[in-house]
Protein backbone atom coordinates (compact mmCIF):
# COMPACT_ATOMS: atom_id res chain seq x y z
CA MET A 1 -7.39 -17.65 47.59
CA MET A 2 -6.66 -17.58 43.86
CA THR A 3 -8.99 -15.75 41.49
CA SER A 4 -9.24 -15.81 37.74
CA PRO A 5 -7.78 -12.79 35.97
CA ASP A 6 -11.05 -12.67 34.03
CA ALA A 7 -13.19 -12.51 37.17
CA PRO A 8 -15.31 -9.35 37.56
CA LEU A 9 -12.98 -6.68 38.84
CA GLN A 10 -15.28 -5.44 41.56
CA GLU A 11 -15.38 -8.92 43.13
CA ARG A 12 -11.59 -9.27 43.39
CA HIS A 13 -10.77 -7.59 46.69
CA ASP A 14 -7.13 -8.58 46.28
CA ALA A 15 -7.01 -7.08 42.77
CA PRO A 16 -3.55 -5.85 41.78
CA VAL A 17 -2.99 -2.14 41.30
CA SER A 18 -2.47 -2.68 37.58
CA PRO A 19 -5.75 -3.51 35.79
CA ALA A 20 -3.95 -4.94 32.75
CA SER A 21 -4.24 -8.52 34.08
CA SER A 22 -7.98 -8.45 33.37
CA ARG A 23 -9.13 -9.78 29.98
CA ASP A 24 -12.06 -7.39 29.98
CA PHE A 25 -9.93 -4.35 30.69
CA ARG A 26 -7.62 -5.40 27.86
CA LEU A 27 -10.64 -5.53 25.54
CA VAL A 28 -11.78 -2.08 26.66
CA TRP A 29 -8.23 -0.79 26.30
CA ALA A 30 -7.88 -2.25 22.78
CA GLY A 31 -11.27 -0.99 21.64
CA THR A 32 -10.83 2.56 22.88
CA SER A 33 -7.27 2.67 21.55
CA ALA A 34 -8.55 1.70 18.10
CA GLY A 35 -11.18 4.42 18.28
CA ARG A 36 -8.57 6.98 19.34
CA LEU A 37 -6.33 6.00 16.45
CA GLY A 38 -9.21 6.59 14.04
CA GLU A 39 -9.97 9.97 15.61
CA SER A 40 -6.31 10.95 15.37
CA VAL A 41 -6.13 10.01 11.70
CA ALA A 42 -9.39 11.84 10.93
CA SER A 43 -8.44 14.97 12.89
CA PHE A 44 -5.52 15.35 10.49
CA ALA A 45 -7.40 14.13 7.41
CA ALA A 46 -10.35 16.53 7.82
CA PRO A 47 -8.46 19.81 7.32
CA VAL A 48 -6.26 18.24 4.63
CA VAL A 49 -9.35 17.07 2.70
CA ALA A 50 -10.88 20.52 3.08
CA ILE A 51 -7.70 22.21 1.83
CA THR A 52 -6.67 19.83 -0.98
CA VAL A 53 -10.02 18.51 -2.23
CA LEU A 54 -12.37 21.43 -1.59
CA ASP A 55 -9.81 24.31 -1.60
CA ALA A 56 -11.35 25.59 1.63
CA SER A 57 -10.46 28.86 3.33
CA ALA A 58 -8.98 29.06 6.84
CA LEU A 59 -12.41 29.98 8.18
CA THR A 60 -14.02 26.91 6.60
CA VAL A 61 -11.32 24.63 8.03
CA THR A 62 -11.92 26.00 11.52
CA LEU A 63 -15.69 25.61 11.09
CA ILE A 64 -15.19 21.87 10.55
CA THR A 65 -13.40 21.74 13.92
CA ALA A 66 -16.20 23.77 15.47
CA ALA A 67 -18.88 21.43 14.07
CA ALA A 68 -17.18 18.43 15.68
CA TRP A 69 -17.36 20.01 19.13
CA LEU A 70 -20.64 21.93 18.86
CA PRO A 71 -22.70 18.94 20.11
CA TRP A 72 -21.32 19.50 23.61
CA LEU A 73 -23.29 22.74 23.65
CA VAL A 74 -26.40 21.17 22.11
CA VAL A 75 -26.76 17.82 23.90
CA GLY A 76 -24.00 17.86 26.51
CA LEU A 77 -26.13 18.52 29.61
CA PRO A 78 -29.03 16.12 28.93
CA ALA A 79 -26.53 13.46 27.80
CA GLY A 80 -25.33 13.04 31.38
CA ALA A 81 -28.83 12.40 32.69
CA TRP A 82 -29.59 9.96 29.84
CA VAL A 83 -26.40 8.01 30.47
CA ASP A 84 -27.03 7.84 34.23
CA ARG A 85 -30.35 6.10 33.41
CA LEU A 86 -28.85 3.49 31.05
CA PRO A 87 -26.21 0.74 31.12
CA ARG A 88 -23.09 2.41 29.76
CA ARG A 89 -21.54 -0.30 27.60
CA PRO A 90 -24.50 -0.69 25.17
CA VAL A 91 -24.56 3.08 24.77
CA MET A 92 -20.90 3.04 23.73
CA VAL A 93 -21.39 0.16 21.29
CA VAL A 94 -24.33 1.88 19.56
CA CYS A 95 -22.38 5.14 19.33
CA ASP A 96 -19.49 3.32 17.65
CA LEU A 97 -21.77 1.64 15.12
CA VAL A 98 -23.53 4.88 14.19
CA SER A 99 -20.12 6.51 13.74
CA VAL A 100 -19.05 3.71 11.38
CA LEU A 101 -21.87 4.60 8.98
CA VAL A 102 -21.45 8.36 9.20
CA VAL A 103 -17.69 8.35 8.68
CA ALA A 104 -17.87 5.82 5.82
CA SER A 105 -20.15 8.19 3.93
CA VAL A 106 -17.27 10.64 3.34
CA PRO A 107 -15.00 8.42 1.19
CA VAL A 108 -18.10 7.05 -0.60
CA ALA A 109 -19.17 10.60 -1.52
CA ALA A 110 -15.62 11.51 -2.53
CA ALA A 111 -15.37 8.46 -4.80
CA ALA A 112 -18.61 9.52 -6.48
CA GLY A 113 -17.35 13.08 -6.93
CA ALA A 114 -20.12 14.38 -4.70
CA LEU A 115 -18.21 15.44 -1.56
CA THR A 116 -19.11 18.95 -0.41
CA THR A 117 -18.29 21.25 2.48
CA PRO A 118 -21.79 20.82 3.99
CA HIS A 119 -21.23 17.04 3.92
CA LEU A 120 -17.97 17.39 5.86
CA LEU A 121 -19.63 19.75 8.34
CA GLY A 122 -22.61 17.42 8.80
CA ALA A 123 -20.39 14.36 9.30
CA ALA A 124 -18.29 16.23 11.85
CA PHE A 125 -21.41 17.27 13.78
CA ALA A 126 -22.94 13.77 13.71
CA VAL A 127 -19.74 12.04 14.89
CA GLY A 128 -19.31 14.77 17.50
CA THR A 129 -22.80 13.97 18.82
CA THR A 130 -22.03 10.28 19.21
CA ALA A 131 -18.73 11.25 20.85
CA VAL A 132 -20.60 13.23 23.53
CA LEU A 133 -22.66 10.18 24.48
CA PHE A 134 -19.70 7.79 24.19
CA GLN A 135 -17.36 9.89 26.32
CA THR A 136 -20.01 10.49 28.97
CA ALA A 137 -20.74 6.77 29.20
CA TRP A 138 -17.03 5.96 29.11
CA THR A 139 -16.14 8.26 32.02
CA SER A 140 -18.88 6.70 34.16
CA TYR A 141 -18.10 3.16 32.99
CA LEU A 142 -14.55 2.84 34.32
CA PRO A 143 -15.40 3.35 38.02
CA ALA A 144 -18.36 0.99 37.54
CA VAL A 145 -16.08 -1.94 36.64
CA LEU A 146 -12.72 -1.13 38.25
CA ASP A 147 -11.50 -1.11 41.81
CA GLU A 148 -10.97 2.49 42.98
CA ARG A 149 -7.22 2.06 43.41
CA GLN A 150 -6.98 0.92 39.79
CA LEU A 151 -8.34 4.17 38.34
CA VAL A 152 -5.05 6.09 38.14
CA PRO A 153 -3.05 3.23 36.55
CA ALA A 154 -5.98 2.45 34.23
CA ASN A 155 -6.25 6.07 33.12
CA ALA A 156 -2.48 6.24 32.70
CA LEU A 157 -2.60 3.19 30.40
CA LEU A 158 -5.54 4.63 28.46
CA HIS A 159 -3.97 8.06 28.11
CA GLY A 160 -0.72 6.40 27.09
CA SER A 161 -2.41 4.48 24.30
CA ASP A 162 -4.38 7.60 23.40
CA SER A 163 -1.09 9.45 23.08
CA ALA A 164 0.43 6.59 21.08
CA ALA A 165 -2.57 6.83 18.74
CA ARG A 166 -1.92 10.54 18.39
CA VAL A 167 1.69 9.71 17.57
CA ALA A 168 0.74 7.23 14.88
CA GLY A 169 -2.36 9.00 13.53
CA PRO A 170 -0.88 12.03 11.73
CA GLY A 171 1.92 9.93 10.25
CA ILE A 172 -0.53 7.33 8.95
CA ALA A 173 -2.83 10.05 7.63
CA GLY A 174 0.08 11.80 5.94
CA LEU A 175 1.21 8.58 4.25
CA LEU A 176 -2.34 7.80 3.14
CA ALA A 177 -2.80 11.33 1.81
CA GLY A 178 0.38 11.05 -0.24
CA ALA A 179 -0.35 7.54 -1.51
CA VAL A 180 -4.10 7.35 -2.16
CA GLY A 181 -5.60 10.65 -1.03
CA ALA A 182 -6.57 12.25 2.27
CA VAL A 183 -10.13 10.83 2.23
CA ALA A 184 -8.60 7.41 2.94
CA GLY A 185 -8.19 8.64 6.51
CA TYR A 186 -11.97 8.60 6.88
CA ALA A 187 -12.14 5.03 5.61
CA LEU A 188 -9.57 3.97 8.22
CA GLN A 189 -11.50 5.78 10.96
CA SER A 190 -14.65 3.87 10.02
CA VAL A 191 -12.79 0.58 10.44
CA THR A 192 -11.40 1.61 13.85
CA PHE A 193 -14.89 2.46 15.10
CA LEU A 194 -15.99 -1.04 14.10
CA VAL A 195 -13.05 -2.56 16.00
CA SER A 196 -13.98 -0.51 19.07
CA ALA A 197 -17.61 -1.67 18.96
CA THR A 198 -16.54 -5.31 18.61
CA CYS A 199 -14.14 -5.18 21.56
CA LEU A 200 -16.68 -3.49 23.83
CA ALA A 201 -19.37 -6.01 22.84
CA LEU A 202 -17.10 -8.86 24.02
CA VAL A 203 -16.64 -7.50 27.56
CA ARG A 204 -18.16 -9.78 30.22
CA THR A 205 -17.59 -7.87 33.46
CA PRO A 206 -20.98 -6.83 34.89
CA GLU A 207 -21.41 -3.14 35.44
CA ARG A 208 -22.07 -1.75 38.90
CA ARG A 209 -24.93 0.70 38.58
CA PRO A 210 -26.18 3.07 41.27
CA ALA A 211 -29.77 2.65 42.43
CA ARG A 212 -32.11 4.33 40.00
CA THR A 213 -34.53 6.91 41.29
CA THR A 214 -37.87 6.67 39.51
CA GLY A 215 -40.27 9.47 38.78
CA ARG A 216 -37.54 12.08 38.32
CA SER A 217 -37.74 14.60 35.51
CA LEU A 218 -34.81 14.91 33.12
CA ARG A 219 -34.63 18.63 33.85
CA ARG A 220 -34.29 18.04 37.59
CA GLU A 221 -31.58 15.42 37.09
CA VAL A 222 -29.61 17.74 34.81
CA ALA A 223 -29.97 20.52 37.40
CA GLU A 224 -28.50 18.26 40.10
CA GLY A 225 -25.31 17.79 38.09
CA ILE A 226 -24.95 21.54 37.47
CA HIS A 227 -25.68 22.30 41.13
CA HIS A 228 -23.05 19.84 42.33
CA VAL A 229 -20.33 21.42 40.15
CA ARG A 230 -21.37 24.97 41.07
CA ARG A 231 -21.14 24.26 44.81
CA ASP A 232 -17.80 22.45 44.68
CA ARG A 233 -14.91 24.93 44.43
CA VAL A 234 -12.41 22.39 43.10
CA LEU A 235 -14.68 21.01 40.36
CA LEU A 236 -15.79 24.51 39.36
CA ASN A 237 -12.20 25.75 39.17
CA LEU A 238 -11.18 22.83 36.96
CA ALA A 239 -14.20 23.38 34.70
CA VAL A 240 -13.57 27.13 34.29
CA HIS A 241 -9.91 26.52 33.52
CA GLY A 242 -10.85 23.82 31.02
CA SER A 243 -13.29 26.10 29.25
CA LEU A 244 -10.90 29.02 28.80
CA SER A 245 -7.82 26.93 28.04
CA ASN A 246 -9.73 24.94 25.40
CA LEU A 247 -11.02 28.16 23.87
CA PHE A 248 -7.49 29.25 22.99
CA LEU A 249 -5.73 25.87 22.74
CA VAL A 250 -8.10 24.41 20.14
CA GLY A 251 -8.37 27.83 18.53
CA TYR A 252 -4.73 27.86 17.56
CA GLN A 253 -4.72 24.13 16.80
CA ALA A 254 -7.59 24.63 14.33
CA LEU A 255 -5.29 26.91 12.34
CA LEU A 256 -2.16 24.79 12.71
CA VAL A 257 -2.46 22.62 9.58
CA VAL A 258 -3.40 25.63 7.44
CA PHE A 259 -0.46 27.58 8.88
CA LEU A 260 2.09 24.81 8.40
CA MET A 261 1.00 23.97 4.84
CA ARG A 262 0.30 27.42 3.44
CA HIS A 263 2.69 29.68 5.38
CA VAL A 264 5.58 27.46 6.52
CA GLY A 265 5.45 25.41 3.31
CA LEU A 266 5.30 21.86 4.68
CA SER A 267 3.74 19.02 2.68
CA GLU A 268 0.99 16.77 4.02
CA GLY A 269 3.63 14.20 4.96
CA GLY A 270 5.80 16.85 6.63
CA VAL A 271 2.91 18.11 8.73
CA GLY A 272 2.02 14.54 9.66
CA LEU A 273 5.61 13.83 10.76
CA LEU A 274 5.76 17.02 12.85
CA LEU A 275 2.48 16.22 14.60
CA THR A 276 3.65 12.65 15.16
CA LEU A 277 6.82 13.87 16.92
CA THR A 278 4.76 16.31 18.98
CA ALA A 279 2.35 13.60 20.09
CA LEU A 280 5.24 11.65 21.64
CA GLY A 281 4.86 14.04 24.54
CA GLY A 282 1.60 12.33 25.42
CA VAL A 283 3.35 8.98 25.75
CA VAL A 284 5.98 10.56 28.01
CA GLY A 285 3.28 12.27 30.09
CA ALA A 286 1.48 8.99 30.67
CA LEU A 287 4.73 7.22 31.62
CA VAL A 288 5.87 9.80 34.18
CA ILE A 289 2.54 10.46 35.84
CA GLN A 290 2.76 7.95 38.70
CA PRO A 291 6.36 8.86 39.69
CA LEU A 292 5.34 12.54 39.61
CA ILE A 293 2.35 11.89 41.85
CA ARG A 294 4.51 10.02 44.36
CA ARG A 295 7.09 12.81 44.41
CA LEU A 296 4.93 15.92 44.16
CA GLY A 297 1.40 14.82 45.10
CA ASP A 298 -1.54 14.65 42.72
CA ALA A 299 -2.71 18.25 43.26
CA ARG A 300 0.70 19.71 42.43
CA THR A 301 1.11 17.38 39.46
CA LEU A 302 -2.26 18.48 38.05
CA VAL A 303 -1.67 22.21 38.55
CA LEU A 304 1.93 22.26 37.36
CA GLY A 305 1.22 20.02 34.37
CA LYS A 306 -1.60 22.14 33.04
CA ALA A 307 -0.33 25.58 34.07
CA LEU A 308 3.28 25.23 32.93
CA ALA A 309 2.28 23.76 29.56
CA GLY A 310 0.80 27.01 28.29
CA PRO A 311 3.93 29.12 27.63
CA PHE A 312 5.34 26.45 25.30
CA ALA A 313 2.56 27.28 22.83
CA LEU A 314 4.27 30.59 22.08
CA ALA A 315 6.71 28.70 19.84
CA VAL A 316 3.91 28.10 17.29
CA PRO A 317 3.69 31.54 15.63
CA LEU A 318 7.52 31.70 15.54
CA ALA A 319 7.68 28.70 13.19
CA GLU A 320 9.70 29.00 9.98
CA PRO A 321 11.71 26.45 7.98
CA GLY A 322 14.93 25.56 9.83
CA TRP A 323 15.74 25.75 13.55
CA ARG A 324 12.45 27.47 14.41
CA LEU A 325 10.60 24.41 13.15
CA VAL A 326 12.72 22.26 15.50
CA LEU A 327 11.88 24.68 18.32
CA LEU A 328 8.17 24.24 17.52
CA ALA A 329 8.48 20.44 17.67
CA VAL A 330 10.31 20.47 21.03
CA ALA A 331 8.02 23.06 22.64
CA SER A 332 4.86 21.36 21.41
CA THR A 333 6.10 18.01 22.74
CA LEU A 334 6.68 19.51 26.20
CA LEU A 335 3.25 21.14 26.06
CA VAL A 336 1.63 17.75 25.40
CA VAL A 337 3.60 16.17 28.29
CA GLY A 338 2.08 18.68 30.71
CA ILE A 339 -1.45 18.45 29.33
CA THR A 340 -1.44 14.63 29.39
CA ALA A 341 -0.13 14.45 32.97
CA GLY A 342 -2.76 16.94 34.11
CA ASN A 343 -5.56 15.14 32.27
CA VAL A 344 -4.71 11.75 33.79
CA VAL A 345 -4.85 13.22 37.29
CA SER A 346 -8.00 15.27 36.76
CA GLY A 347 -9.89 12.41 35.09
CA SER A 348 -9.01 9.91 37.83
CA PHE A 349 -9.81 12.50 40.50
CA ARG A 350 -13.29 13.13 39.15
CA GLN A 351 -14.06 9.42 38.88
CA ARG A 352 -13.22 8.70 42.53
CA TYR A 353 -14.37 12.05 43.97
CA VAL A 354 -17.89 12.35 42.59
CA PRO A 355 -20.65 10.00 43.89
CA GLY A 356 -21.43 7.29 41.35
CA ALA A 357 -25.12 8.21 41.07
CA LEU A 358 -24.11 11.72 39.91
CA LEU A 359 -20.99 10.96 37.93
CA GLY A 360 -22.54 11.06 34.45
CA ARG A 361 -24.34 14.33 35.12
CA VAL A 362 -21.38 15.97 36.85
CA THR A 363 -19.10 14.83 34.02
CA THR A 364 -21.30 16.34 31.33
CA SER A 365 -21.83 19.53 33.36
CA MET A 366 -18.07 19.96 33.59
CA GLN A 367 -17.41 18.79 30.04
CA THR A 368 -20.07 21.09 28.63
CA LEU A 369 -18.32 24.02 30.29
CA ASN A 370 -14.87 22.59 29.44
CA LEU A 371 -15.62 21.89 25.81
CA ALA A 372 -17.97 24.79 25.09
CA GLY A 373 -14.85 26.82 24.46
CA ILE A 374 -13.73 24.55 21.60
CA PRO A 375 -16.27 25.48 18.87
CA LEU A 376 -16.11 29.09 19.98
CA GLY A 377 -12.32 29.01 19.84
CA ALA A 378 -12.34 27.46 16.37
CA VAL A 379 -14.71 30.14 15.04
CA LEU A 380 -12.68 32.85 16.81
CA ALA A 381 -9.49 31.52 15.21
CA GLY A 382 -10.99 31.50 11.72
CA THR A 383 -12.41 34.98 12.18
CA LEU A 384 -9.11 36.36 13.47
CA ALA A 385 -7.15 34.72 10.66
CA THR A 386 -9.51 36.24 8.09
CA ALA A 387 -9.28 39.69 9.69
CA VAL A 388 -5.57 40.03 10.55
CA GLY A 389 -3.82 37.01 9.00
CA THR A 390 -2.95 33.54 10.25
CA ARG A 391 0.33 34.31 12.05
CA PRO A 392 -0.99 37.35 14.01
CA ALA A 393 -4.07 35.30 14.94
CA LEU A 394 -1.77 32.59 16.30
CA TRP A 395 0.08 35.13 18.44
CA VAL A 396 -3.17 36.30 20.03
CA LEU A 397 -4.43 32.77 20.69
CA THR A 398 -1.19 31.30 22.04
CA ALA A 399 -0.53 34.29 24.32
CA ALA A 400 -4.04 34.01 25.75
CA TYR A 401 -3.61 30.27 26.26
CA ALA A 402 -0.33 30.80 28.11
CA CYS A 403 -2.17 33.00 30.63
CA THR A 404 -4.94 30.51 31.47
CA GLY A 405 -2.72 28.57 33.88
CA LEU A 406 -3.18 31.41 36.37
CA ILE A 407 -6.72 30.13 36.98
CA LEU A 408 -5.28 26.96 38.55
CA LEU A 409 -2.23 28.55 40.15
CA LEU A 410 -4.44 31.02 42.03
CA GLY A 411 -7.40 28.66 42.61
CA PRO A 412 -8.47 26.44 45.52
CA LEU A 413 -5.69 23.89 44.86
CA ARG A 414 -2.98 26.51 45.46
CA GLY A 415 -0.52 25.22 48.05
CA ARG A 416 -2.09 21.76 48.28
CA ARG A 417 0.01 18.65 47.81
CA ASP A 418 -2.91 16.26 47.33
CA LEU A 419 -6.43 16.45 45.97
CA PRO A 420 -9.44 15.95 48.25
CA VAL A 421 -10.68 12.37 48.51
CA ARG A 422 -14.47 12.73 48.57
CA SER A 423 -16.90 15.40 47.50
CA SER A 424 -18.30 17.35 50.42
CA ASP A 425 -21.71 17.59 48.73
CA PRO A 426 -22.71 14.01 47.85
CA ALA A 427 -26.42 14.59 47.41
CA PRO A 428 -27.13 18.15 46.33
CA ALA A 429 -30.64 19.43 46.73
CA VAL A 430 -32.06 21.50 43.92
CA PRO A 431 -35.34 23.36 43.65
CA ALA A 432 -38.20 21.23 42.37
């Protein structure tokens, strides 16, 4: 029996493994890719604006990174319970529209000569807050509209476009900075958020939602998500690794633009080109993920991708003009290959492994632990750079990051070829 490629995905039992034949998935793919491109441009534009417009110190630059991720500590846990109570797509659309207004305020203030460091910090925190809600809804949305066997190829496509956005973003931001000023990156990000909201609003596939339990307190629902992660050794191991690796990974990345511009001597365009070449590793990681899973198994692919990526970061503090800069580009590209491959596997695993009724809360419980390290790492990086200098701070952070892979290599996935299929604790009981 023939079915329309635009038919709701959950009703097509003969759905192909690739989700790209669905109009609605293509809309979701296009919208999120646009949003990722805007984030990539802004992640480069923010420190450049701080350095070139506001003459900010290394500590101030890292505080802007910290402000963008701090909302995971503030609203991360209740966000999961809120999202589990609501239809996910409207949440994502509203988050995009709020972000349009917040991000657009930066170039408007700059044009009026009124841009300040507190403004940049406030915008970063506000967009970070909408990102918490968007990402939580997004993680729960995919398994609500896709067939289970489509999750890995769908996540590979999404991570591939995410990586492509990271490839294009720094280059675009660098060109904009050289031509019309770094604040133009914020204007472009505002437009991409609007594109994302429009694409998501046009999706027609109905969302499968788990049965809602009435009369439950928000506190109890949040506790269920935490309890589920705490009792599951695999989920807990992934969350602990994510927290510590992000602490040091984002720590050194928060200093990277400052280091490359002020110590290595690259221009805005040069930094953008280097980051563009590095981001190609994400495209490669997304392309090789399915062959790697078939050959090695998904557990080995996840562990090796994330654990073996770390030592490549040690090329960062070695950077100088000449061959060492080439070494940095190659090593950073290989690092991104490993991280992307591991992220595709871990994201797909969580979506199929965790019961749908708990997925939003489990996701935010893990992400809060995962991403809590990011603002702390950014502040740590700025503090270290102020105390001992930027290059020594990079040595400390990259060496620590290289060691975090031991958490996975020695954890419950050690020796396993494949990841478990279903959580052993589908309905955790928590104290009233």
